[in-house]
Structures are given as C-alpha cells and as structure tokens.
Amino acid sequence: MNKAISMIKVLLVGFGCVVLIAMYCIIKTQEARVIYIQDPNYVQNIGEAQKRLKEQGLYHGKIDYVWGPGTEKGYCDWCAIRAIEGE
C-alpha cells in the first residue's frame, strides 16, 4: 500500500513538472504585446455621453452637459439595447 502511494506521489510530482515546463515553454514563445483598449462604456463627462447617445440616435436634446430626463431616457434605451444584444 505504501509503495502504491509513493508511486502515485512520484507520478503526480512528475506530471506537475511536465505541466509547469510546458506552460513555461508556451509563455516564452509568446510575443508580449500590450494593447490599450478604451472601455467603450467609459465617458469623461455628461456631454460626451450625450454626444455618443446622439450619434446612435438615442438622445435628441442639445449637448448641455446636464443629466436630465432626455439623457436618462437615452441611457436607459442604450442599456436596454445592450441587454437584448447580450452584452
């Protein structure tokens, strides 16, 4: 019984080493790239949000940098569209 447990331990350690070596090789062969992707949901201010909503036909007021009922409705419509699309 002890021999079987010892064999299992050796196999597990050996398998773990093989996995680690394989992962190391994969990492070393991959080219490191940093890609900056701006979050499309992030806006600097309310006016920017209004512009984006207006471009999509979801806001019909003027760009006044005020979160009013029109901006609220446009944002809610945008959220509903995203929910339907599964994003």
Protein backbone atom coordinates (compact mmCIF):
# COMPACT_ATOMS: atom_id res chain seq x y z
CA MET A 1 0.00 0.00 0.00
CA ASN A 2 2.84 2.41 0.87
CA LYS A 3 4.56 1.60 -2.44
CA ALA A 4 1.37 2.45 -4.33
CA ILE A 5 1.04 5.78 -2.52
CA SER A 6 4.71 6.54 -3.15
CA MET A 7 4.27 5.73 -6.86
CA ILE A 8 1.22 7.98 -7.05
CA LYS A 9 3.14 10.82 -5.40
CA VAL A 10 6.02 10.39 -7.85
CA LEU A 11 3.63 10.36 -10.80
CA LEU A 12 1.81 13.47 -9.57
CA VAL A 13 5.05 15.35 -8.99
CA GLY A 14 6.34 14.26 -12.39
CA PHE A 15 3.12 15.26 -14.09
CA GLY A 16 3.19 18.62 -12.29
CA CYS A 17 6.74 19.25 -13.54
CA VAL A 18 5.74 18.41 -17.11
CA VAL A 19 2.81 20.82 -16.92
CA LEU A 20 4.99 23.59 -15.50
CA ILE A 21 7.65 23.06 -18.16
CA ALA A 22 5.01 23.09 -20.90
CA MET A 23 3.48 26.30 -19.52
CA TYR A 24 6.93 27.91 -19.32
CA CYS A 25 7.66 27.00 -22.94
CA ILE A 26 4.33 28.39 -24.11
CA ILE A 27 4.90 31.63 -22.22
CA LYS A 28 8.46 32.01 -23.53
CA THR A 29 7.40 31.50 -27.15
CA GLN A 30 4.56 34.03 -26.99
CA GLU A 31 5.34 37.55 -28.08
CA ALA A 32 4.48 40.04 -25.36
CA ARG A 33 2.11 42.72 -26.59
CA VAL A 34 0.37 45.46 -24.69
CA ILE A 35 -2.78 46.70 -26.32
CA TYR A 36 -4.67 49.66 -24.94
CA ILE A 37 -8.40 49.38 -25.47
CA GLN A 38 -10.58 52.09 -24.04
CA ASP A 39 -13.68 50.84 -22.31
CA PRO A 40 -16.50 51.87 -24.66
CA ASN A 41 -18.76 52.49 -21.68
CA TYR A 42 -16.40 54.99 -20.07
CA VAL A 43 -17.08 58.66 -20.65
CA GLN A 44 -15.21 61.66 -19.28
CA ASN A 45 -18.32 63.78 -18.73
CA ILE A 46 -22.05 64.01 -19.33
CA GLY A 47 -21.58 65.96 -22.56
CA GLU A 48 -19.52 63.13 -24.01
CA ALA A 49 -22.23 60.67 -23.03
CA GLN A 50 -24.83 62.87 -24.71
CA LYS A 51 -22.71 63.02 -27.90
CA ARG A 52 -22.36 59.24 -28.02
CA LEU A 53 -26.06 58.72 -27.40
CA LYS A 54 -26.91 61.31 -30.06
CA GLU A 55 -24.64 59.56 -32.60
CA GLN A 56 -26.65 56.39 -32.01
CA GLY A 57 -29.99 58.19 -32.29
CA LEU A 58 -30.81 57.68 -28.62
CA TYR A 59 -30.61 61.32 -27.46
CA HIS A 60 -32.39 64.17 -29.20
CA GLY A 61 -31.63 67.16 -26.99
CA LYS A 62 -28.78 69.63 -27.15
CA ILE A 63 -25.36 68.82 -25.71
CA ASP A 64 -25.71 70.77 -22.47
CA TYR A 65 -23.60 68.66 -20.07
CA VAL A 66 -26.63 68.24 -17.80
CA TRP A 67 -28.02 64.84 -16.83
CA GLY A 68 -31.66 65.50 -17.48
CA PRO A 69 -34.66 63.39 -18.47
CA GLY A 70 -33.57 63.18 -22.13
CA THR A 71 -30.12 61.93 -21.21
CA GLU A 72 -31.65 59.50 -18.74
CA LYS A 73 -34.04 58.11 -21.37
CA GLY A 74 -31.24 57.79 -23.93
CA TYR A 75 -29.05 55.99 -21.42
CA CYS A 76 -31.88 53.63 -20.40
CA ASP A 77 -32.58 52.87 -24.07
CA TRP A 78 -28.87 52.20 -24.64
CA CYS A 79 -28.82 49.82 -21.64
CA ALA A 80 -31.92 48.02 -22.92
CA ILE A 81 -30.35 47.54 -26.37
CA ARG A 82 -27.18 46.13 -24.80
CA ALA A 83 -29.23 43.75 -22.66
CA ILE A 84 -31.13 42.50 -25.70
CA GLU A 85 -27.87 42.04 -27.62
CA GLY A 86 -26.47 40.07 -24.68
CA GLU A 87 -23.53 42.33 -23.86
